[in-house]
Protein backbone atom coordinates (compact mmCIF):
# COMPACT_ATOMS: atom_id res chain seq x y z
CA UNK A 1 137.71 -135.74 -124.64
CA UNK A 2 137.36 -138.05 -121.63
CA UNK A 3 133.85 -139.36 -121.03
CA UNK A 4 134.47 -142.02 -118.36
CA UNK A 5 132.97 -141.77 -114.87
CA UNK A 6 135.19 -140.94 -111.84
CA UNK A 7 136.37 -143.84 -109.74
CA UNK A 8 134.25 -143.91 -106.58
CA UNK A 9 136.22 -146.43 -104.54
CA UNK A 10 139.54 -144.69 -103.98
CA UNK A 11 141.01 -144.52 -100.50
CA UNK A 12 139.33 -141.82 -98.39
CA UNK A 13 141.17 -138.61 -97.52
CA UNK A 14 143.16 -139.13 -94.32
CA UNK A 15 140.37 -141.03 -92.51
CA UNK A 16 137.83 -138.23 -93.03
CA UNK A 17 135.23 -140.80 -94.02
CA UNK A 18 134.91 -141.92 -90.40
CA UNK A 19 136.01 -138.85 -88.47
CA UNK A 20 133.74 -136.28 -90.12
CA UNK A 21 130.49 -138.18 -89.41
CA UNK A 22 131.58 -138.56 -85.78
CA UNK A 23 132.12 -134.80 -85.51
CA UNK A 24 128.77 -134.13 -87.14
CA UNK A 25 127.08 -136.41 -84.60
CA UNK A 26 128.74 -134.48 -81.76
CA UNK A 27 127.68 -131.20 -83.31
CA UNK A 28 124.07 -132.38 -83.59
CA UNK A 29 124.05 -133.22 -79.89
CA UNK A 30 125.63 -129.87 -78.97
CA UNK A 31 123.23 -127.83 -81.11
CA UNK A 32 120.22 -129.74 -79.81
CA UNK A 33 121.22 -128.90 -76.24
CA UNK A 34 119.76 -125.37 -76.44
CA UNK A 35 116.74 -123.84 -78.18
CA UNK A 36 118.94 -121.09 -79.63
CA UNK A 37 120.80 -123.51 -81.88
CA UNK A 38 118.37 -126.40 -82.18
CA UNK A 39 117.05 -125.19 -85.53
CA UNK A 40 120.54 -125.40 -87.06
CA UNK A 41 120.64 -129.18 -86.79
CA UNK A 42 118.65 -129.33 -90.03
CA UNK A 43 121.56 -127.59 -91.77
CA UNK A 44 124.12 -130.17 -90.69
CA UNK A 45 125.35 -132.46 -93.45
CA UNK A 46 124.35 -136.10 -93.12
CA UNK A 47 125.25 -139.40 -94.72
CA UNK A 48 124.86 -138.90 -98.46
CA UNK A 49 125.89 -141.28 -101.22
CA UNK A 50 124.19 -139.34 -104.03
CA UNK A 51 126.32 -138.28 -107.03
CA UNK A 52 128.89 -135.58 -106.45
CA UNK A 53 127.66 -132.04 -106.93
CA UNK A 54 129.72 -129.46 -108.84
CA UNK A 55 128.38 -125.95 -108.39
CA UNK A 56 128.87 -123.28 -111.05
CA UNK A 57 129.48 -119.98 -109.28
CA UNK A 58 129.75 -116.66 -111.06
CA UNK A 59 127.97 -113.53 -112.31
CA UNK A 60 124.76 -113.97 -114.24
CA UNK A 61 126.46 -112.89 -117.47
CA UNK A 62 129.50 -115.16 -117.29
CA UNK A 63 128.06 -117.94 -119.48
CA UNK A 64 127.50 -120.65 -116.84
CA UNK A 65 124.50 -122.09 -118.65
CA UNK A 66 126.41 -122.21 -121.95
CA UNK A 67 129.26 -124.06 -120.20
CA UNK A 68 126.77 -126.67 -118.97
CA UNK A 69 125.42 -126.99 -122.52
CA UNK A 70 128.94 -127.49 -123.85
CA UNK A 71 129.93 -130.04 -121.22
CA UNK A 72 126.70 -131.97 -121.84
CA UNK A 73 127.05 -131.68 -125.67
CA UNK A 74 123.46 -130.47 -125.98
CA UNK A 75 121.75 -129.98 -129.34
CA UNK A 76 120.84 -126.46 -130.47
CA UNK A 77 117.20 -126.64 -129.34
CA UNK A 78 118.16 -127.64 -125.80
CA UNK A 79 120.90 -125.04 -125.70
CA UNK A 80 118.50 -122.22 -126.47
CA UNK A 81 116.02 -123.42 -123.85
CA UNK A 82 118.75 -123.62 -121.23
CA UNK A 83 120.33 -120.26 -122.00
CA UNK A 84 116.99 -118.44 -122.21
CA UNK A 85 116.28 -119.41 -118.58
CA UNK A 86 119.18 -117.22 -117.33
CA UNK A 87 119.22 -114.80 -115.53
CA UNK A 88 115.64 -115.63 -114.55
CA UNK A 89 116.82 -118.64 -112.60
CA UNK A 90 116.37 -117.85 -108.92
CA UNK A 91 117.23 -121.24 -107.51
CA UNK A 92 119.91 -123.86 -108.01
CA UNK A 93 119.19 -126.04 -111.04
CA UNK A 94 120.71 -129.55 -111.30
CA UNK A 95 121.95 -131.05 -114.57
CA UNK A 96 123.24 -134.65 -114.84
CA UNK A 97 126.65 -135.06 -116.40
CA UNK A 98 128.52 -138.34 -116.67
CA UNK A 99 127.65 -139.64 -113.21
CA UNK A 100 127.88 -136.33 -111.36
CA UNK A 101 125.50 -133.39 -111.02
CA UNK A 102 126.29 -129.93 -112.34
CA UNK A 103 124.47 -127.29 -110.25
CA UNK A 104 123.67 -124.10 -112.15
CA UNK A 105 123.57 -121.52 -109.38
CA UNK A 106 121.73 -118.19 -109.71
CA UNK A 107 124.00 -115.44 -110.94
CA UNK A 108 125.78 -113.33 -108.38
CA UNK A 109 126.23 -109.56 -108.53
CA UNK A 110 122.88 -109.20 -110.28
CA UNK A 111 121.55 -106.89 -107.60
CA UNK A 112 118.95 -109.51 -106.70
CA UNK A 113 119.29 -110.59 -103.07
CA UNK A 114 117.16 -113.66 -103.70
CA UNK A 115 119.61 -114.80 -106.38
CA UNK A 116 122.60 -114.16 -104.13
CA UNK A 117 121.08 -116.06 -101.20
CA UNK A 118 120.24 -119.02 -103.42
CA UNK A 119 123.77 -119.02 -104.82
CA UNK A 120 125.15 -119.00 -101.29
CA UNK A 121 123.03 -121.99 -100.33
CA UNK A 122 124.17 -123.78 -103.46
CA UNK A 123 127.83 -123.24 -102.59
CA UNK A 124 127.23 -124.69 -99.13
CA UNK A 125 125.74 -127.83 -100.65
CA UNK A 126 128.39 -128.33 -103.35
CA UNK A 127 131.20 -130.89 -103.26
CA UNK A 128 133.31 -128.93 -105.77
CA UNK A 129 133.10 -125.66 -107.70
CA UNK A 130 133.50 -124.31 -111.17
CA UNK A 131 134.21 -120.64 -110.48
CA UNK A 132 133.23 -118.89 -113.71
CA UNK A 133 134.42 -115.46 -114.80
CA UNK A 134 135.07 -113.93 -118.22
CA UNK A 135 137.78 -112.36 -120.30
CA UNK A 136 136.48 -109.01 -119.11
CA UNK A 137 138.14 -109.89 -115.78
CA UNK A 138 136.45 -109.92 -112.37
CA UNK A 139 135.94 -106.63 -110.55
CA UNK A 140 136.59 -106.05 -106.87
CA UNK A 141 133.29 -107.49 -105.63
CA UNK A 142 133.59 -110.57 -107.83
CA UNK A 143 137.22 -111.07 -106.80
CA UNK A 144 136.22 -110.97 -103.12
CA UNK A 145 133.54 -113.58 -103.77
CA UNK A 146 136.06 -115.83 -105.54
CA UNK A 147 138.61 -115.55 -102.74
CA UNK A 148 135.96 -116.24 -100.12
CA UNK A 149 134.97 -119.44 -101.91
CA UNK A 150 138.59 -120.58 -102.13
CA UNK A 151 139.64 -119.58 -98.62
CA UNK A 152 136.86 -119.36 -96.05
CA UNK A 153 134.61 -121.87 -97.80
CA UNK A 154 137.55 -124.23 -98.32
CA UNK A 155 137.24 -124.93 -102.05
CA UNK A 156 140.88 -124.19 -102.93
CA UNK A 157 141.62 -127.88 -103.61
CA UNK A 158 138.17 -128.66 -105.02
CA UNK A 159 137.77 -125.94 -107.64
CA UNK A 160 138.51 -124.99 -111.21
CA UNK A 161 138.56 -121.32 -112.21
CA UNK A 162 137.03 -120.98 -115.67
CA UNK A 163 137.75 -117.85 -117.73
CA UNK A 164 134.96 -117.98 -120.31
CA UNK A 165 134.43 -116.03 -123.55
CA UNK A 166 138.18 -116.09 -124.23
CA UNK A 167 137.79 -116.07 -128.02
CA UNK A 168 136.05 -112.73 -128.06
CA UNK A 169 137.61 -110.01 -130.18
CA UNK A 170 140.51 -108.06 -128.69
CA UNK A 171 141.17 -110.70 -126.02
CA UNK A 172 144.88 -111.22 -125.30
CA UNK A 173 144.94 -114.66 -123.64
CA UNK A 174 148.33 -114.22 -121.97
CA UNK A 175 147.51 -110.81 -120.47
CA UNK A 176 144.10 -111.98 -119.23
CA UNK A 177 145.47 -115.11 -117.55
CA UNK A 178 148.24 -113.08 -115.86
CA UNK A 179 145.63 -110.69 -114.48
CA UNK A 180 143.52 -113.59 -113.23
CA UNK A 181 146.54 -115.04 -111.40
CA UNK A 182 147.18 -111.69 -109.74
CA UNK A 183 143.59 -111.56 -108.51
CA UNK A 184 143.80 -115.09 -107.12
CA UNK A 185 146.80 -114.09 -105.02
CA UNK A 186 148.04 -116.99 -102.85
CA UNK A 187 145.71 -119.41 -104.63
CA UNK A 188 147.09 -118.82 -108.12
CA UNK A 189 149.37 -121.87 -107.88
CA UNK A 190 146.81 -124.12 -106.17
CA UNK A 191 143.76 -123.68 -108.37
CA UNK A 192 143.78 -124.63 -112.06
CA UNK A 193 142.81 -121.79 -114.39
CA UNK A 194 141.16 -122.94 -117.63
CA UNK A 195 140.43 -120.51 -120.51
CA UNK A 196 137.27 -121.50 -122.40
CA UNK A 197 134.76 -120.34 -124.95
CA UNK A 198 131.62 -122.40 -124.45
CA UNK A 199 129.78 -120.72 -127.34
CA UNK A 200 132.47 -121.81 -129.82
CA UNK A 201 132.20 -125.40 -128.58
CA UNK A 202 128.40 -125.46 -128.86
CA UNK A 203 128.60 -123.96 -132.36
CA UNK A 204 131.24 -126.49 -133.36
CA UNK A 205 129.07 -129.47 -132.49
CA UNK A 206 125.80 -128.04 -133.78
CA UNK A 207 126.56 -125.97 -136.91
CA UNK A 208 126.22 -128.26 -139.96
CA UNK A 209 127.75 -125.69 -142.28
CA UNK A 210 131.21 -125.88 -140.64
CA UNK A 211 133.91 -127.80 -142.39
CA UNK A 212 135.73 -130.55 -140.50
CA UNK A 213 138.83 -128.38 -140.11
CA UNK A 214 136.78 -125.44 -138.83
CA UNK A 215 134.97 -127.71 -136.38
CA UNK A 216 138.21 -129.19 -135.11
CA UNK A 217 139.75 -125.72 -134.66
CA UNK A 218 136.77 -124.44 -132.66
CA UNK A 219 136.71 -127.56 -130.51
CA UNK A 220 140.43 -127.36 -129.79
CA UNK A 221 140.41 -123.65 -128.94
CA UNK A 222 137.20 -123.79 -126.91
CA UNK A 223 139.02 -125.29 -123.91
CA UNK A 224 136.09 -127.56 -123.03
CA UNK A 225 138.18 -130.72 -123.27
CA UNK A 226 140.78 -129.18 -120.92
CA UNK A 227 138.00 -128.16 -118.53
CA UNK A 228 136.56 -131.67 -118.60
CA UNK A 229 139.96 -133.12 -117.73
CA UNK A 230 140.40 -130.77 -114.77
CA UNK A 231 136.92 -131.54 -113.46
CA UNK A 232 137.65 -135.28 -113.60
CA UNK A 233 140.86 -134.68 -111.67
CA UNK A 234 139.02 -132.81 -108.92
CA UNK A 235 136.31 -135.45 -108.49
CA UNK A 236 138.49 -138.49 -109.19
CA UNK A 237 138.48 -139.66 -105.52
CA UNK A 238 134.73 -140.16 -105.81
CA UNK A 239 132.02 -139.60 -103.23
CA UNK A 240 133.94 -141.25 -100.40
CA UNK A 241 137.02 -139.17 -101.11
CA UNK A 242 135.54 -135.74 -101.87
CA UNK A 243 132.33 -135.43 -99.89
CA UNK A 244 133.76 -135.84 -96.35
CA UNK A 245 135.95 -132.77 -96.84
CA UNK A 246 133.01 -130.83 -98.29
CA UNK A 247 130.88 -131.86 -95.32
CA UNK A 248 133.61 -130.87 -92.87
CA UNK A 249 133.66 -127.36 -94.32
CA UNK A 250 129.87 -127.19 -94.22
CA UNK A 251 130.07 -128.27 -90.57
CA UNK A 252 132.41 -125.33 -89.96
CA UNK A 253 129.89 -122.98 -91.58
CA UNK A 254 127.04 -124.35 -89.45
CA UNK A 255 129.15 -123.96 -86.31
CA UNK A 256 129.91 -120.37 -87.29
CA UNK A 257 126.15 -119.82 -87.59
CA UNK A 258 125.74 -121.36 -84.13
CA UNK A 259 128.21 -118.90 -82.67
CA UNK A 260 126.17 -116.07 -84.11
CA UNK A 261 123.09 -117.45 -82.38
CA UNK A 262 124.86 -116.79 -79.09
CA UNK A 263 125.37 -113.09 -79.79
CA UNK A 264 123.21 -111.58 -77.06
CA UNK A 265 120.93 -108.57 -77.44
CA UNK A 266 118.05 -106.84 -75.66
CA UNK A 267 117.30 -107.83 -72.07
CA UNK A 268 119.67 -110.78 -72.18
CA UNK A 269 122.54 -108.58 -73.25
CA UNK A 270 121.70 -106.10 -70.50
CA UNK A 271 121.59 -108.86 -67.88
CA UNK A 272 124.88 -110.33 -69.05
CA UNK A 273 126.54 -106.91 -69.08
CA UNK A 274 125.29 -106.21 -65.54
CA UNK A 275 126.70 -109.52 -64.36
CA UNK A 276 130.00 -108.86 -66.07
CA UNK A 277 130.19 -105.38 -64.54
CA UNK A 278 129.52 -106.72 -61.04
CA UNK A 279 132.04 -109.52 -61.50
CA UNK A 280 134.65 -107.12 -62.81
CA UNK A 281 134.09 -104.73 -59.91
CA UNK A 282 134.41 -107.52 -57.35
CA UNK A 283 137.45 -108.87 -59.15
CA UNK A 284 139.17 -105.48 -59.10
CA UNK A 285 138.45 -105.08 -55.38
CA UNK A 286 139.79 -108.56 -54.73
CA UNK A 287 142.93 -107.99 -56.78
CA UNK A 288 143.72 -104.77 -54.92
CA UNK A 289 143.48 -106.54 -51.57
CA UNK A 290 145.59 -109.45 -52.83
CA UNK A 291 148.18 -107.01 -54.08
CA UNK A 292 148.32 -105.37 -50.66
CA UNK A 293 148.50 -108.77 -48.98
CA UNK A 294 151.41 -109.87 -51.14
CA UNK A 295 153.28 -106.61 -50.60
CA UNK A 296 152.75 -106.54 -46.84
CA UNK A 297 153.69 -110.20 -46.44
CA UNK A 298 156.96 -109.38 -48.18
CA UNK A 299 157.44 -106.41 -45.84
CA UNK A 300 156.94 -108.58 -42.74
CA UNK A 301 159.32 -111.22 -44.07
CA UNK A 302 161.91 -108.52 -44.83
CA UNK A 303 161.62 -107.10 -41.32
CA UNK A 304 162.12 -110.54 -39.79
CA UNK A 305 165.24 -111.11 -41.87
CA UNK A 306 166.62 -107.71 -40.87
CA UNK A 307 165.86 -108.50 -37.22
CA UNK A 308 167.78 -111.73 -37.64
CA UNK A 309 170.75 -109.89 -39.03
CA UNK A 310 170.67 -107.41 -36.14
CA UNK A 311 170.38 -110.20 -33.57
CA UNK A 312 173.23 -112.18 -35.13
CA UNK A 313 175.44 -109.11 -35.26
CA UNK A 314 174.85 -108.48 -31.53
CA UNK A 315 176.24 -111.83 -30.39
CA UNK A 316 179.09 -111.15 -28.00
CA UNK A 317 182.43 -112.29 -29.28
CA UNK A 318 183.44 -112.81 -25.66
CA UNK A 319 180.83 -115.26 -24.48
CA UNK A 320 178.41 -115.74 -27.41
CA UNK A 321 175.51 -114.11 -25.58
CA UNK A 322 172.75 -112.09 -27.24
CA UNK A 323 172.33 -108.98 -25.06
CA UNK A 324 168.94 -108.86 -23.36
CA UNK A 325 168.29 -105.30 -24.52
CA UNK A 326 168.85 -106.35 -28.13
CA UNK A 327 166.56 -109.33 -27.72
CA UNK A 328 163.87 -107.12 -26.22
CA UNK A 329 164.27 -104.46 -28.91
CA UNK A 330 164.06 -107.06 -31.70
CA UNK A 331 160.97 -108.53 -30.11
CA UNK A 332 159.35 -105.09 -30.08
CA UNK A 333 160.21 -104.63 -33.74
CA UNK A 334 158.49 -107.89 -34.60
CA UNK A 335 155.40 -106.93 -32.61
CA UNK A 336 155.38 -103.63 -34.47
CA UNK A 337 155.64 -105.50 -37.80
CA UNK A 338 152.66 -107.66 -36.87
CA UNK A 339 150.60 -104.63 -35.87
CA UNK A 340 151.58 -102.78 -39.01
CA UNK A 341 150.59 -105.74 -41.18
CA UNK A 342 147.22 -106.06 -39.45
CA UNK A 343 146.48 -102.38 -39.83
CA UNK A 344 147.48 -102.18 -43.51
CA UNK A 345 145.73 -105.38 -44.55
CA UNK A 346 142.55 -104.41 -42.71
CA UNK A 347 142.68 -100.98 -44.33
CA UNK A 348 142.82 -102.59 -47.76
CA UNK A 349 139.80 -104.73 -46.89
CA UNK A 350 137.96 -101.62 -45.72
CA UNK A 351 138.86 -99.77 -48.93
CA UNK A 352 137.51 -102.66 -50.99
CA UNK A 353 134.32 -102.67 -48.93
CA UNK A 354 133.87 -98.91 -49.30
CA UNK A 355 134.34 -99.15 -53.08
CA UNK A 356 131.66 -101.85 -53.38
CA UNK A 357 129.26 -99.96 -51.12
CA UNK A 358 129.73 -96.84 -53.25
CA UNK A 359 128.82 -98.87 -56.33
CA UNK A 360 126.07 -101.17 -55.00
CA UNK A 361 124.84 -99.69 -51.73
CA UNK A 362 124.67 -100.75 -48.12
CA UNK A 363 123.53 -104.26 -48.98
CA UNK A 364 127.17 -105.21 -49.41
CA UNK A 365 128.23 -107.14 -46.26
CA UNK A 366 131.01 -105.68 -44.15
CA UNK A 367 134.07 -107.92 -43.83
CA UNK A 368 134.77 -109.47 -40.44
CA UNK A 369 137.52 -107.77 -38.49
CA UNK A 370 140.93 -109.17 -39.29
CA UNK A 371 142.17 -108.19 -35.79
CA UNK A 372 140.34 -106.92 -32.68
CA UNK A 373 139.89 -103.17 -32.21
CA UNK A 374 142.31 -102.13 -34.88
CA UNK A 375 140.99 -98.58 -34.69
CA UNK A 376 141.50 -98.25 -30.93
CA UNK A 377 144.53 -96.43 -29.49
CA UNK A 378 145.97 -99.66 -28.14
CA UNK A 379 146.25 -101.09 -31.65
CA UNK A 380 148.74 -98.44 -32.73
CA UNK A 381 152.33 -98.46 -31.64
CA UNK A 382 152.79 -95.31 -29.56
CA UNK A 383 155.83 -93.11 -29.13
CA UNK A 384 157.02 -94.71 -25.90
CA UNK A 385 160.78 -95.14 -25.72
CA UNK A 386 160.63 -98.91 -26.14
CA UNK A 387 158.17 -98.64 -29.06
CA UNK A 388 155.45 -100.86 -27.54
CA UNK A 389 151.85 -99.98 -26.71
CA UNK A 390 150.91 -99.87 -22.99
CA UNK A 391 148.79 -103.01 -23.33
CA UNK A 392 151.60 -104.92 -25.01
CA UNK A 393 154.00 -103.92 -22.27
CA UNK A 394 151.47 -104.91 -19.63
CA UNK A 395 150.95 -108.32 -21.21
CA UNK A 396 154.69 -108.86 -21.48
CA UNK A 397 155.38 -107.74 -17.92
CA UNK A 398 152.67 -109.99 -16.55
CA UNK A 399 154.06 -112.86 -18.58
CA UNK A 400 157.58 -112.24 -17.34
CA UNK A 401 156.36 -112.15 -13.73
CA UNK A 402 154.58 -115.43 -14.26
CA UNK A 403 157.72 -116.91 -15.78
CA UNK A 404 159.87 -115.74 -12.88
CA UNK A 405 157.39 -117.30 -10.47
CA UNK A 406 157.98 -120.59 -12.25
CA UNK A 407 154.54 -120.80 -13.80
CA UNK A 408 155.92 -121.81 -17.18
CA UNK A 409 158.31 -120.53 -19.84
CA UNK A 410 157.57 -117.10 -21.23
CA UNK A 411 156.52 -118.06 -24.71
CA UNK A 412 154.39 -120.95 -23.43
CA UNK A 413 152.54 -118.68 -21.01
CA UNK A 414 151.96 -116.07 -23.68
CA UNK A 415 150.63 -118.82 -25.92
CA UNK A 416 148.03 -119.72 -23.30
CA UNK A 417 146.96 -116.07 -23.03
CA UNK A 418 146.71 -115.74 -26.82
CA UNK A 419 144.58 -118.87 -26.95
CA UNK A 420 142.40 -117.48 -24.14
CA UNK A 421 142.80 -120.54 -21.90
CA UNK A 422 145.02 -122.02 -19.21
CA UNK A 423 145.05 -125.02 -16.97
CA UNK A 424 143.10 -123.15 -14.31
CA UNK A 425 140.71 -121.16 -16.53
CA UNK A 426 140.71 -118.29 -19.01
CA UNK A 427 144.21 -116.79 -18.94
CA UNK A 428 143.25 -113.78 -21.05
CA UNK A 429 140.25 -113.03 -18.82
CA UNK A 430 142.40 -113.44 -15.71
CA UNK A 431 144.92 -110.96 -17.06
CA UNK A 432 142.14 -108.52 -17.99
CA UNK A 433 140.75 -108.64 -14.44
CA UNK A 434 144.24 -108.19 -13.03
CA UNK A 435 144.86 -105.14 -15.19
CA UNK A 436 141.52 -103.58 -14.22
CA UNK A 437 142.31 -103.71 -10.49
CA UNK A 438 144.12 -100.37 -10.63
CA UNK A 439 143.55 -97.04 -12.35
CA UNK A 440 146.79 -97.41 -14.28
CA UNK A 441 145.82 -100.90 -15.38
CA UNK A 442 142.34 -99.74 -16.31
CA UNK A 443 143.77 -96.99 -18.53
CA UNK A 444 146.12 -99.47 -20.18
CA UNK A 445 143.27 -101.91 -20.84
CA UNK A 446 140.56 -99.44 -21.84
CA UNK A 447 141.95 -96.09 -23.00
CA UNK A 448 138.84 -95.46 -25.10
CA UNK A 449 136.40 -96.20 -22.25
CA UNK A 450 134.45 -98.80 -24.21
CA UNK A 451 135.00 -101.77 -21.92
CA UNK A 452 135.17 -100.82 -18.22
CA UNK A 453 132.98 -98.91 -15.79
CA UNK A 454 135.79 -97.99 -13.46
CA UNK A 455 138.41 -99.87 -11.49
CA UNK A 456 137.42 -103.48 -11.03
CA UNK A 457 134.18 -103.04 -13.00
CA UNK A 458 133.20 -103.97 -16.55
CA UNK A 459 130.43 -102.84 -18.85
CA UNK A 460 128.00 -105.46 -20.23
CA UNK A 461 130.05 -107.87 -22.30
CA UNK A 462 133.06 -105.90 -21.16
CA UNK A 463 134.81 -108.92 -19.69
CA UNK A 464 134.54 -110.78 -22.98
CA UNK A 465 135.79 -107.80 -24.98
CA UNK A 466 138.62 -107.24 -22.51
CA UNK A 467 139.66 -110.89 -22.69
CA UNK A 468 139.54 -110.78 -26.51
CA UNK A 469 141.66 -107.62 -26.53
CA UNK A 470 144.24 -109.18 -24.22
CA UNK A 471 144.28 -112.41 -26.25
CA UNK A 472 144.73 -110.47 -29.51
CA UNK A 473 147.60 -108.46 -28.04
CA UNK A 474 149.16 -111.58 -26.60
CA UNK A 475 148.92 -113.17 -30.05
CA UNK A 476 151.14 -110.45 -31.49
CA UNK A 477 153.60 -110.93 -28.64
CA UNK A 478 153.44 -114.66 -29.22
CA UNK A 479 154.28 -114.13 -32.90
CA UNK A 480 157.38 -112.20 -31.94
CA UNK A 481 158.41 -114.82 -29.39
CA UNK A 482 157.93 -117.61 -31.92
CA UNK A 483 160.35 -115.88 -34.24
CA UNK A 484 162.78 -115.21 -31.41
CA UNK A 485 162.74 -118.90 -30.57
CA UNK A 486 165.03 -119.86 -27.70
CA UNK A 487 166.65 -116.44 -27.47
CA UNK A 488 164.22 -115.02 -24.90
CA UNK A 489 164.38 -118.09 -22.66
CA UNK A 490 168.08 -118.93 -22.87
CA UNK A 491 169.38 -115.34 -23.33
CA UNK A 492 172.27 -116.98 -25.14
CA UNK A 493 173.00 -118.95 -28.27
CA UNK A 494 176.50 -119.86 -27.22
CA UNK A 495 175.72 -123.47 -26.40
CA UNK A 496 174.31 -126.24 -28.47
CA UNK A 497 173.83 -129.55 -26.66
CA UNK A 498 176.53 -128.46 -24.27
CA UNK A 499 179.10 -127.82 -26.96
CA UNK A 500 180.71 -124.46 -27.63
CA UNK A 501 180.49 -123.58 -31.28
CA UNK A 502 182.35 -120.82 -33.06
CA UNK A 503 180.72 -117.38 -32.85
CA UNK A 504 180.36 -117.10 -36.63
CA UNK A 505 178.52 -120.40 -36.71
CA UNK A 506 176.16 -119.15 -34.02
CA UNK A 507 175.54 -116.02 -36.02
CA UNK A 508 174.78 -118.04 -39.12
CA UNK A 509 172.45 -120.23 -37.12
CA UNK A 510 170.55 -117.14 -35.96
CA UNK A 511 170.30 -115.71 -39.48
CA UNK A 512 169.13 -119.06 -40.87
CA UNK A 513 166.55 -119.36 -38.12
CA UNK A 514 165.14 -115.92 -38.85
CA UNK A 515 165.16 -116.65 -42.60
CA UNK A 516 163.17 -119.83 -42.01
CA UNK A 517 160.72 -117.96 -39.81
CA UNK A 518 160.37 -115.24 -42.43
CA UNK A 519 159.40 -117.81 -45.07
CA UNK A 520 157.07 -119.65 -42.72
CA UNK A 521 155.32 -116.53 -41.52
CA UNK A 522 155.00 -115.14 -45.02
CA UNK A 523 153.27 -118.33 -46.16
CA UNK A 524 151.04 -118.38 -43.07
CA UNK A 525 149.98 -114.76 -43.45
CA UNK A 526 149.36 -115.23 -47.17
CA UNK A 527 147.17 -118.29 -46.64
CA UNK A 528 145.25 -116.71 -43.76
CA UNK A 529 144.76 -113.43 -45.63
CA UNK A 530 143.57 -115.17 -48.78
CA UNK A 531 141.13 -117.30 -46.79
CA UNK A 532 139.81 -114.25 -44.93
CA UNK A 533 139.35 -112.40 -48.23
CA UNK A 534 137.75 -115.37 -49.99
CA UNK A 535 135.16 -115.79 -47.25
CA UNK A 536 134.17 -112.15 -47.54
CA UNK A 537 134.11 -112.21 -51.36
CA UNK A 538 131.76 -115.22 -51.22
CA UNK A 539 129.44 -113.21 -48.95
CA UNK A 540 129.59 -110.24 -51.34
CA UNK A 541 128.76 -112.41 -54.34
CA UNK A 542 125.83 -113.90 -52.49
CA UNK A 543 124.55 -110.46 -51.47
CA UNK A 544 124.66 -109.26 -55.10
CA UNK A 545 123.19 -112.43 -56.60
CA UNK A 546 119.93 -110.62 -57.28
CA UNK A 547 121.78 -108.45 -59.77
CA UNK A 548 123.82 -111.24 -61.30
CA UNK A 549 121.66 -114.38 -61.25
CA UNK A 550 119.94 -113.97 -64.63
CA UNK A 551 123.04 -112.74 -66.40
CA UNK A 552 125.18 -115.41 -64.75
CA UNK A 553 122.86 -118.16 -65.93
CA UNK A 554 122.79 -116.79 -69.47
CA UNK A 555 126.56 -116.30 -69.48
CA UNK A 556 127.16 -119.79 -68.11
CA UNK A 557 124.95 -121.36 -70.77
CA UNK A 558 126.62 -119.27 -73.43
CA UNK A 559 130.12 -120.08 -72.25
CA UNK A 560 129.39 -123.82 -72.10
CA UNK A 561 127.87 -123.81 -75.57
CA UNK A 562 130.64 -121.72 -77.12
CA UNK A 563 133.32 -123.91 -75.59
CA UNK A 564 131.81 -127.01 -77.18
CA UNK A 565 131.36 -125.19 -80.49
CA UNK A 566 134.98 -124.04 -80.39
CA UNK A 567 136.15 -127.57 -79.61
CA UNK A 568 134.23 -128.91 -82.60
CA UNK A 569 135.53 -126.13 -84.86
CA UNK A 570 139.11 -126.74 -83.78
CA UNK A 571 138.83 -130.45 -84.56
CA UNK A 572 137.17 -129.82 -87.90
CA UNK A 573 139.83 -127.23 -88.80
CA UNK A 574 142.58 -129.76 -88.06
CA UNK A 575 140.96 -132.23 -90.42
CA UNK A 576 140.53 -129.89 -93.38
CA UNK A 577 143.34 -127.36 -92.86
CA UNK A 578 146.52 -129.28 -92.02
CA UNK A 579 149.34 -127.24 -90.49
CA UNK A 580 151.37 -127.61 -93.65
CA UNK A 581 148.72 -125.74 -95.67
């Protein structure tokens, strides 16, 4: 039998000696950061150079106390005193043994919750385990407890499974050990299994009537020497080699307890659930609008590309000219695409607003209009032969007249109207006044009767509204002209810096130009739509902050704490459960 002490100065396990204390210090700071977890700091392992602790875990009838008596070579009187104390022992009891401490834990599966809780605490404080069962084999509950200790508690490489009372009558050693291996499952090849009979060993060293040969036989078959050897192997690295890993696993258990502290209930749970519900509702509304925005931006881009193909195909093979009627028709198509986008996107914003109002009432702020008077007749393309609304045609005709008079190029003039300004004043307002000088113009400008009080007259704020309406309409025309590029001004793409280029090259140039414009406009509409939506969502969140403030604060604290706990757990797991395991 080996009686020497374990070497305590071996090289530490993979740097755990330094890294584990650093993690524990981080954990202490994290747990102290909130009253929920502050009390757990007392459970954290700390610097400890005391002798290694080997816990004896098993049912109250497995013979743990007799094993301690055998390992310590106690005389008969001490054996009886020790054994008589079980199963009355309700707390962990330390016993010195060759420089380490054997911890006799209260028996499990006794039906006594106090015993079970004390045993659990003892496991958490142990550096290594003797997992004790008997030749009667562990049942389901005991097997689960063994596997938990080896797996979740991390004792697979710091344990010895002891099968005690092996010399009882009718015990087939081979069959019993095979059954034990089956119950250990994936740990059967990692954990040493030692058959023992502690009673035989104690009798062998204390019964004076035994002959030398009988004593030697009992000692040899008791398995205590083999158990001693396995225990020395487990604790051979000493305190600096074994304890850091034990402390890392205890840190994991404390962090798991900390996570449980953040399981909400009562009013806090209700507040957090309300916040989550509001956030989810807003998120769904936002996602539906974004989905519409993405789809409609694709539609606009597709229409621009198709318009480019139509324009390129119309180039005359005779003189390279794009027919004016084609250019006009394509321009109208692009205006229609802009109107259609505005209407659809605004409808999706309105649907999102209506859904939130239905859920949370009229306190939800209404989104700003994406375009002016989208619900007025002028905002919808009518069934006129050229496909344009009366106001759009009026704006275009006025622009063309101004261009013919030499005022400026068509698309530049339209740009001034869309911006609402010109060199001499407000171009949009000027056009509104011009339109309202006749009954026909008045009808074009104000079909719904919301702006004017008759020819040449405006309602209060009517001039401003009329100018805004004209500017908005001019903006759509401007969009179309920007895509058309030089086609409306030059009426021809047959010349490039005075050089005649092949018709096919002109056609490709037109298609490429429209493709570029499609990409540019898609990006512009996407950015503008997302910004418009984000501004409204921020207003909605602010309006509902009374419902979400408490839950949001609790959830934010919880999320911050759990993130730090998870970070600590991940690092500790990497230290004690290498990927190769």
